[in-house]
Protein backbone atom coordinates (compact mmCIF):
# COMPACT_ATOMS: atom_id res chain seq x y z
CA UNK A 1 38.20 -20.95 38.71
CA UNK A 2 35.41 -19.00 40.40
CA UNK A 3 32.87 -20.74 42.61
CA UNK A 4 29.86 -21.85 40.53
CA UNK A 5 27.35 -20.53 43.05
CA UNK A 6 28.93 -17.10 42.90
CA UNK A 7 28.85 -17.14 39.09
CA UNK A 8 25.17 -18.11 39.08
CA UNK A 9 24.43 -15.19 41.38
CA UNK A 10 26.34 -12.95 39.00
CA UNK A 11 24.36 -13.93 35.92
CA UNK A 12 21.10 -13.39 37.79
CA UNK A 13 22.33 -9.97 38.88
CA UNK A 14 23.03 -9.07 35.25
CA UNK A 15 19.46 -9.96 34.28
CA UNK A 16 18.18 -7.83 37.15
CA UNK A 17 20.40 -4.97 36.02
CA UNK A 18 18.94 -5.32 32.53
CA UNK A 19 15.35 -5.68 33.79
CA UNK A 20 14.06 -2.37 32.43
CA UNK A 21 15.70 -2.80 29.02
CA UNK A 22 14.57 -6.42 28.62
CA UNK A 23 10.95 -5.74 29.54
CA UNK A 24 10.86 -2.68 27.28
CA UNK A 25 12.19 -4.85 24.45
CA UNK A 26 9.61 -7.57 25.10
CA UNK A 27 6.76 -5.03 25.13
CA UNK A 28 8.05 -3.31 22.01
CA UNK A 29 8.07 -6.58 20.06
CA UNK A 30 4.64 -7.44 21.46
CA UNK A 31 3.19 -4.09 20.39
CA UNK A 32 4.55 -4.46 16.85
CA UNK A 33 3.69 -8.02 15.80
CA UNK A 34 5.31 -9.28 12.61
CA UNK A 35 4.47 -12.61 11.00
CA UNK A 36 6.79 -15.26 9.56
CA UNK A 37 9.77 -13.90 7.62
CA UNK A 38 8.47 -10.33 8.05
CA UNK A 39 10.08 -9.73 11.45
CA UNK A 40 12.36 -6.94 10.30
CA UNK A 41 11.81 -4.72 13.34
CA UNK A 42 11.96 -7.44 15.99
CA UNK A 43 15.08 -8.97 14.46
CA UNK A 44 16.81 -5.59 14.30
CA UNK A 45 15.85 -4.66 17.87
CA UNK A 46 17.16 -7.93 19.31
CA UNK A 47 20.35 -7.75 17.23
CA UNK A 48 20.90 -4.11 18.29
CA UNK A 49 20.56 -5.09 21.94
CA UNK A 50 23.15 -7.85 21.61
CA UNK A 51 25.50 -5.64 19.60
CA UNK A 52 25.23 -3.03 22.33
CA UNK A 53 26.46 -5.62 24.82
CA UNK A 54 29.58 -6.61 22.94
CA UNK A 55 28.32 -9.38 20.68
CA UNK A 56 29.51 -9.67 17.11
CA UNK A 57 26.30 -9.88 15.09
CA UNK A 58 25.75 -11.19 11.58
CA UNK A 59 22.40 -10.00 10.26
CA UNK A 60 20.60 -11.73 7.42
CA UNK A 61 22.35 -14.95 8.41
CA UNK A 62 22.06 -18.18 6.40
CA UNK A 63 20.35 -16.40 3.53
CA UNK A 64 17.36 -15.40 5.68
CA UNK A 65 16.81 -11.61 5.86
CA UNK A 66 15.30 -11.68 9.36
CA UNK A 67 17.71 -14.21 10.89
CA UNK A 68 20.86 -13.32 12.80
CA UNK A 69 23.69 -14.96 14.71
CA UNK A 70 25.42 -13.18 17.59
CA UNK A 71 28.64 -14.42 19.22
CA UNK A 72 30.71 -13.70 22.33
CA UNK A 73 33.80 -15.60 23.40
CA UNK A 74 35.80 -18.30 21.70
CA UNK A 75 36.30 -21.99 22.10
CA UNK A 76 34.32 -24.72 23.72
CA UNK A 77 31.98 -25.48 25.30
CA UNK A 78 29.71 -23.33 23.14
CA UNK A 79 26.23 -22.63 24.52
CA UNK A 80 23.51 -21.48 22.13
CA UNK A 81 20.26 -19.72 22.95
CA UNK A 82 17.47 -19.72 20.36
CA UNK A 83 15.51 -16.48 19.98
CA UNK A 84 12.09 -16.55 18.31
CA UNK A 85 10.11 -13.39 17.57
CA UNK A 86 7.46 -14.00 14.89
CA UNK A 87 3.78 -13.39 15.60
CA UNK A 88 0.58 -15.13 14.53
CA UNK A 89 -1.69 -13.73 11.80
CA UNK A 90 -4.66 -11.92 13.26
CA UNK A 91 -3.90 -12.35 16.98
CA UNK A 92 -0.34 -11.06 17.34
CA UNK A 93 1.87 -12.66 19.98
CA UNK A 94 -0.60 -15.37 20.98
CA UNK A 95 2.31 -17.77 21.35
CA UNK A 96 4.43 -15.35 23.36
CA UNK A 97 7.43 -15.21 21.06
CA UNK A 98 8.20 -11.74 22.37
CA UNK A 99 9.05 -13.53 25.63
CA UNK A 100 11.14 -16.20 23.90
CA UNK A 101 13.26 -13.73 21.97
CA UNK A 102 13.83 -11.42 24.92
CA UNK A 103 14.58 -14.21 27.42
CA UNK A 104 17.14 -15.69 25.02
CA UNK A 105 19.02 -12.43 24.44
CA UNK A 106 18.87 -11.72 28.17
CA UNK A 107 20.36 -15.15 28.90
CA UNK A 108 23.02 -14.56 26.26
CA UNK A 109 24.10 -11.22 27.69
CA UNK A 110 24.10 -12.59 31.25
CA UNK A 111 26.17 -15.67 30.39
CA UNK A 112 28.57 -13.65 28.23
CA UNK A 113 29.31 -11.40 31.21
CA UNK A 114 30.99 -14.26 33.10
CA UNK A 115 32.97 -15.89 30.26
CA UNK A 116 36.25 -14.63 31.74
CA UNK A 117 35.52 -16.91 34.70
CA UNK A 118 33.93 -19.85 32.92
CA UNK A 119 35.66 -20.05 29.56
CA UNK A 120 33.79 -21.17 26.48
CA UNK A 121 31.54 -19.11 24.27
CA UNK A 122 27.93 -17.96 23.86
CA UNK A 123 25.92 -17.81 20.65
CA UNK A 124 22.44 -16.35 20.23
CA UNK A 125 20.59 -17.39 17.10
CA UNK A 126 17.80 -15.18 15.81
CA UNK A 127 15.40 -17.72 14.31
CA UNK A 128 12.46 -16.31 12.33
CA UNK A 129 9.23 -17.92 11.19
CA UNK A 130 8.74 -20.62 13.81
CA UNK A 131 5.02 -20.30 13.09
CA UNK A 132 4.89 -21.94 9.69
CA UNK A 133 8.22 -21.20 8.05
CA UNK A 134 10.47 -23.30 10.32
CA UNK A 135 13.62 -21.28 9.70
CA UNK A 136 15.64 -23.33 12.19
CA UNK A 137 15.46 -26.26 9.75
CA UNK A 138 17.07 -24.14 7.05
CA UNK A 139 19.65 -22.79 9.49
CA UNK A 140 20.55 -26.29 10.70
CA UNK A 141 20.92 -27.45 7.11
CA UNK A 142 23.28 -24.53 6.51
CA UNK A 143 25.47 -25.69 9.39
CA UNK A 144 24.55 -23.23 12.12
CA UNK A 145 25.06 -25.84 14.85
CA UNK A 146 28.60 -26.79 13.83
CA UNK A 147 30.77 -26.13 16.87
CA UNK A 148 27.75 -25.80 19.20
CA UNK A 149 27.60 -28.07 22.26
CA UNK A 150 24.07 -27.40 23.58
CA UNK A 151 21.04 -25.35 22.53
CA UNK A 152 18.31 -23.94 24.77
CA UNK A 153 15.24 -21.72 24.86
CA UNK A 154 12.11 -21.26 26.98
CA UNK A 155 8.55 -21.14 25.65
CA UNK A 156 5.53 -19.53 27.34
CA UNK A 157 2.73 -21.78 28.58
CA UNK A 158 -0.80 -20.97 29.63
CA UNK A 159 -0.92 -23.94 31.99
CA UNK A 160 2.22 -24.78 33.97
CA UNK A 161 6.00 -24.90 34.11
CA UNK A 162 7.40 -28.13 32.67
CA UNK A 163 10.93 -28.96 31.56
CA UNK A 164 9.92 -30.50 28.24
CA UNK A 165 6.71 -30.45 26.26
CA UNK A 166 5.45 -33.35 24.08
CA UNK A 167 6.42 -31.77 20.79
CA UNK A 168 5.53 -33.87 17.75
CA UNK A 169 6.68 -33.98 14.14
CA UNK A 170 4.75 -31.91 11.57
CA UNK A 171 4.37 -31.67 7.81
CA UNK A 172 2.31 -29.15 5.84
CA UNK A 173 0.67 -29.67 2.48
CA UNK A 174 -1.42 -27.59 0.13
CA UNK A 175 -4.01 -29.33 -2.02
CA UNK A 176 -5.86 -28.02 -5.07
CA UNK A 177 -8.85 -29.44 -6.91
CA UNK A 178 -9.52 -28.55 -10.53
CA UNK A 179 -13.01 -29.00 -11.96
CA UNK A 180 -15.09 -27.35 -14.66
CA UNK A 181 -17.21 -24.22 -14.29
CA UNK A 182 -20.88 -24.20 -15.29
CA UNK A 183 -24.08 -22.42 -14.30
CA UNK A 184 -25.00 -23.89 -10.93
CA UNK A 185 -28.76 -23.64 -11.58
CA UNK A 186 -29.31 -24.15 -15.31
CA UNK A 187 -26.43 -26.48 -16.21
CA UNK A 188 -24.90 -28.11 -13.12
CA UNK A 189 -24.64 -31.41 -14.97
CA UNK A 190 -22.07 -29.83 -17.26
CA UNK A 191 -19.80 -28.81 -14.41
CA UNK A 192 -17.30 -30.62 -12.22
CA UNK A 193 -17.41 -29.27 -8.68
CA UNK A 194 -13.91 -28.75 -7.33
CA UNK A 195 -15.28 -27.60 -3.97
CA UNK A 196 -17.23 -30.84 -3.56
CA UNK A 197 -14.01 -32.75 -4.19
CA UNK A 198 -12.19 -30.72 -1.54
CA UNK A 199 -15.03 -31.02 0.98
CA UNK A 200 -15.14 -34.80 0.55
CA UNK A 201 -11.42 -34.82 1.33
CA UNK A 202 -11.97 -32.51 4.30
CA UNK A 203 -14.68 -34.82 5.65
CA UNK A 204 -12.38 -37.76 5.08
CA UNK A 205 -9.82 -36.06 7.30
CA UNK A 206 -12.51 -35.57 9.95
CA UNK A 207 -13.46 -39.26 9.80
CA UNK A 208 -9.81 -40.36 9.88
CA UNK A 209 -9.17 -38.52 13.16
CA UNK A 210 -10.90 -41.22 15.25
CA UNK A 211 -8.63 -43.89 13.79
CA UNK A 212 -5.23 -42.32 14.49
CA UNK A 213 -3.18 -42.38 17.72
CA UNK A 214 -4.00 -39.76 20.39
CA UNK A 215 -0.58 -38.19 19.81
CA UNK A 216 -1.38 -37.51 16.12
CA UNK A 217 -3.27 -34.55 14.72
CA UNK A 218 -4.85 -33.62 11.38
CA UNK A 219 -6.23 -30.14 10.79
CA UNK A 220 -6.48 -27.49 8.11
CA UNK A 221 -8.44 -24.79 6.35
CA UNK A 222 -10.09 -24.21 2.98
CA UNK A 223 -8.30 -21.31 1.32
CA UNK A 224 -10.40 -21.15 -1.88
CA UNK A 225 -13.99 -22.34 -2.11
CA UNK A 226 -15.04 -20.85 -5.43
CA UNK A 227 -16.05 -17.48 -6.83
CA UNK A 228 -19.85 -17.22 -6.61
CA UNK A 229 -22.80 -19.41 -5.52
CA UNK A 230 -24.22 -19.56 -9.06
CA UNK A 231 -21.00 -20.92 -10.59
CA UNK A 232 -19.95 -24.54 -10.16
CA UNK A 233 -16.48 -24.06 -8.61
CA UNK A 234 -13.75 -24.85 -11.10
CA UNK A 235 -11.06 -24.50 -8.45
CA UNK A 236 -10.81 -25.13 -4.72
CA UNK A 237 -7.81 -25.27 -2.39
CA UNK A 238 -6.84 -25.95 1.18
CA UNK A 239 -3.86 -26.04 3.52
CA UNK A 240 -3.41 -28.83 6.07
CA UNK A 241 -1.09 -29.90 8.89
CA UNK A 242 -0.23 -33.52 9.60
CA UNK A 243 1.32 -34.22 13.01
CA UNK A 244 2.58 -37.47 14.56
CA UNK A 245 4.65 -38.57 17.54
CA UNK A 246 7.75 -39.27 15.44
CA UNK A 247 8.89 -38.59 11.91
CA UNK A 248 8.56 -42.33 11.21
CA UNK A 249 4.89 -42.29 12.17
CA UNK A 250 4.44 -39.04 10.28
CA UNK A 251 5.42 -40.61 6.95
CA UNK A 252 2.61 -43.16 7.19
CA UNK A 253 0.03 -40.59 8.27
CA UNK A 254 0.97 -38.21 5.44
CA UNK A 255 -0.07 -40.81 2.88
CA UNK A 256 -3.34 -41.57 4.68
CA UNK A 257 -4.18 -37.85 4.71
CA UNK A 258 -3.53 -37.51 0.99
CA UNK A 259 -5.74 -40.51 0.30
CA UNK A 260 -8.72 -38.60 1.73
CA UNK A 261 -8.34 -36.02 -1.02
CA UNK A 262 -7.62 -38.58 -3.69
CA UNK A 263 -11.00 -40.08 -2.80
CA UNK A 264 -12.66 -36.68 -3.23
CA UNK A 265 -11.14 -36.24 -6.66
CA UNK A 266 -12.14 -39.76 -7.72
CA UNK A 267 -15.72 -39.32 -6.51
CA UNK A 268 -16.30 -36.05 -8.36
CA UNK A 269 -14.12 -36.38 -11.43
CA UNK A 270 -11.96 -33.45 -10.36
CA UNK A 271 -8.22 -33.38 -10.83
CA UNK A 272 -6.09 -33.15 -7.70
CA UNK A 273 -2.69 -31.55 -7.22
CA UNK A 274 -0.78 -31.29 -3.95
CA UNK A 275 2.58 -30.08 -2.70
CA UNK A 276 4.40 -30.35 0.59
CA UNK A 277 5.30 -26.82 1.70
CA UNK A 278 7.59 -25.25 4.29
CA UNK A 279 10.07 -27.37 6.16
CA UNK A 280 9.08 -30.58 7.92
CA UNK A 281 9.69 -30.34 11.65
CA UNK A 282 10.83 -33.15 13.93
CA UNK A 283 9.68 -34.37 17.29
CA UNK A 284 11.59 -32.88 20.24
CA UNK A 285 14.29 -34.88 22.01
CA UNK A 286 14.40 -33.31 25.48
CA UNK A 287 17.87 -33.81 26.95
CA UNK A 288 17.32 -35.16 30.46
CA UNK A 289 20.59 -33.87 31.92
CA UNK A 290 20.01 -30.31 30.71
CA UNK A 291 16.34 -30.52 31.77
CA UNK A 292 17.36 -31.53 35.31
CA UNK A 293 19.75 -28.58 35.50
CA UNK A 294 17.04 -26.23 34.27
CA UNK A 295 14.57 -27.54 36.88
CA UNK A 296 17.07 -26.98 39.68
CA UNK A 297 17.95 -23.49 38.49
CA UNK A 298 14.31 -22.47 38.07
CA UNK A 299 13.65 -23.72 41.61
CA UNK A 300 16.19 -21.16 42.86
CA UNK A 301 13.84 -18.53 41.46
CA UNK A 302 10.82 -19.97 43.26
CA UNK A 303 9.39 -21.80 40.24
CA UNK A 304 8.18 -25.39 40.44
CA UNK A 305 9.03 -27.05 37.14
CA UNK A 306 7.51 -30.45 36.48
CA UNK A 307 9.46 -33.27 34.92
CA UNK A 308 7.96 -33.65 31.46
CA UNK A 309 8.40 -37.42 31.50
CA UNK A 310 6.28 -37.64 34.66
CA UNK A 311 3.83 -34.72 34.30
CA UNK A 312 0.25 -35.15 33.05
CA UNK A 313 0.16 -34.80 29.26
CA UNK A 314 -0.13 -31.29 27.85
CA UNK A 315 -1.69 -30.33 24.51
CA UNK A 316 0.45 -31.38 21.59
CA UNK A 317 2.23 -28.93 19.29
CA UNK A 318 5.18 -28.80 16.92
CA UNK A 319 8.30 -26.66 16.58
CA UNK A 320 11.46 -26.50 14.53
CA UNK A 321 13.36 -26.72 17.82
CA UNK A 322 12.75 -30.43 17.36
CA UNK A 323 15.14 -30.39 14.39
CA UNK A 324 17.76 -28.66 16.55
CA UNK A 325 17.37 -31.33 19.24
CA UNK A 326 18.31 -34.06 16.76
CA UNK A 327 21.70 -32.42 16.11
CA UNK A 328 22.84 -31.24 19.57
CA UNK A 329 21.62 -31.76 23.16
CA UNK A 330 18.72 -29.36 23.63
CA UNK A 331 15.87 -28.29 25.88
CA UNK A 332 12.65 -26.39 25.23
CA UNK A 333 11.03 -25.94 28.68
CA UNK A 334 7.63 -24.33 29.09
CA UNK A 335 7.29 -21.35 31.46
CA UNK A 336 3.85 -20.39 32.75
CA UNK A 337 2.47 -16.88 32.18
CA UNK A 338 -1.07 -17.24 33.54
CA UNK A 339 -2.71 -17.89 36.92
CA UNK A 340 -5.53 -19.80 35.23
CA UNK A 341 -5.31 -22.20 32.28
CA UNK A 342 -5.53 -20.45 28.92
CA UNK A 343 -5.02 -21.91 25.43
CA UNK A 344 -2.07 -21.06 23.26
CA UNK A 345 -2.69 -19.19 20.01
CA UNK A 346 -5.52 -17.23 21.61
CA UNK A 347 -6.25 -13.59 22.39
CA UNK A 348 -6.00 -14.49 26.08
CA UNK A 349 -2.46 -15.71 25.49
CA UNK A 350 -1.67 -12.54 23.56
CA UNK A 351 -2.71 -10.43 26.53
CA UNK A 352 -0.79 -12.58 29.01
CA UNK A 353 2.40 -12.31 26.96
CA UNK A 354 2.61 -8.61 27.86
CA UNK A 355 1.15 -8.96 31.35
CA UNK A 356 2.86 -9.18 34.75
CA UNK A 357 3.42 -12.93 34.59
CA UNK A 358 4.67 -12.61 31.03
CA UNK A 359 7.22 -10.07 32.25
CA UNK A 360 8.21 -12.39 35.09
CA UNK A 361 8.72 -15.18 32.54
CA UNK A 362 11.12 -12.97 30.56
CA UNK A 363 13.31 -12.40 33.62
CA UNK A 364 13.01 -15.85 35.19
CA UNK A 365 13.49 -17.50 31.81
CA UNK A 366 16.66 -15.50 31.13
CA UNK A 367 18.04 -16.30 34.58
CA UNK A 368 17.24 -20.03 34.47
CA UNK A 369 18.71 -20.39 30.98
CA UNK A 370 21.84 -18.45 31.92
CA UNK A 371 22.37 -20.52 35.07
CA UNK A 372 21.94 -23.71 33.04
CA UNK A 373 24.57 -22.32 30.68
CA UNK A 374 26.86 -21.85 33.68
CA UNK A 375 26.37 -25.53 34.55
CA UNK A 376 27.43 -26.50 31.03
CA UNK A 377 30.49 -24.24 31.03
CA UNK A 378 31.73 -24.94 34.56
CA UNK A 379 30.77 -28.57 35.21
CA UNK A 380 32.39 -30.88 32.66
CA UNK A 381 30.35 -33.79 34.00
CA UNK A 382 27.13 -32.02 32.94
CA UNK A 383 28.19 -31.70 29.33
CA UNK A 384 29.48 -35.28 29.30
CA UNK A 385 26.18 -36.57 30.68
CA UNK A 386 24.19 -34.44 28.22
CA UNK A 387 26.17 -35.95 25.35
CA UNK A 388 25.53 -39.47 26.67
CA UNK A 389 21.80 -38.72 26.91
CA UNK A 390 21.83 -37.43 23.34
CA UNK A 391 23.63 -40.48 21.95
CA UNK A 392 21.29 -42.80 23.84
CA UNK A 393 18.26 -41.01 22.44
CA UNK A 394 19.70 -41.19 18.95
CA UNK A 395 20.29 -44.91 19.28
CA UNK A 396 16.78 -45.47 20.63
CA UNK A 397 14.76 -43.13 18.39
CA UNK A 398 16.99 -42.18 15.47
């Protein structure tokens, strides 16, 4: 078997060889933002790139038109890279998914190039709609991770490099209030104000925030506030996220959030309807063995990656990669793309995702992921330790 150091140099050389193509792909996706489940161009471009490098690609995988699965090699271990490529409404790639998708396909191509020396196989999953649709949950339910040993991806950060972010569980609900229309000036007593009911619920959410753990979040928007100022609103609606440290804690908080809106309906006489929408996402189980390998490999590239269990807390978010991490050992490290702190989901982040440090994150991310894949394929003790970490986490948290 080839020397592992030589193989790691080889995968990095492949990424360098592909530098121009990878950065062009990242910029192309960035310049053509597509929101959840509408990523027809980005999905096709990434799949075309993999197909052009010898992968067998299934498009429209798992019943999702903009998902794909690309495979090279046979047998185990099987290393999976998760590619995301959806954009945010209004601000484009303010979460840098152009970087995620391109780094993952770059890592896949680099690792596939050394399979003759390492054995095993490489799979790249094209996973649409991370921002709201949570397609990975559907794909996991359909069995996409059967036969997969580990799953990895990198995610851009506007703050620092860290091997695992404090990702929390999330549920989404839509709420509607139904009242009765009436003239708001001459006959308000004959109306039932659905907007008042919704606003009371909204204010209840605001009041509840000070009485929940610091790792929990409640936030949302009003999507319908009525038709005209001189009509008592007969209908109002909103969309809200509930987040908590674990799925167990989430279940309790979901009911408390709904009670805020039940109170609004009771106070005004409106009728309330709600529905849980999209897929519920899990907290992230960062695999410590894989995270340690990633930190060491990123250090080879001159990056200082903090240990997420020891680093100062970062802002909390959610991702369907959490659901992946509860099925196979997984990592979701953050890779910095800005010299100064900038918030995610912002226009500043959108600009950085196509800037010089964003480009560096594409290449460094692909290299670090590919080298971590080499560790999994060539060091049996790494995979064994990753599995032990996973089972321990499942026993402790599951």
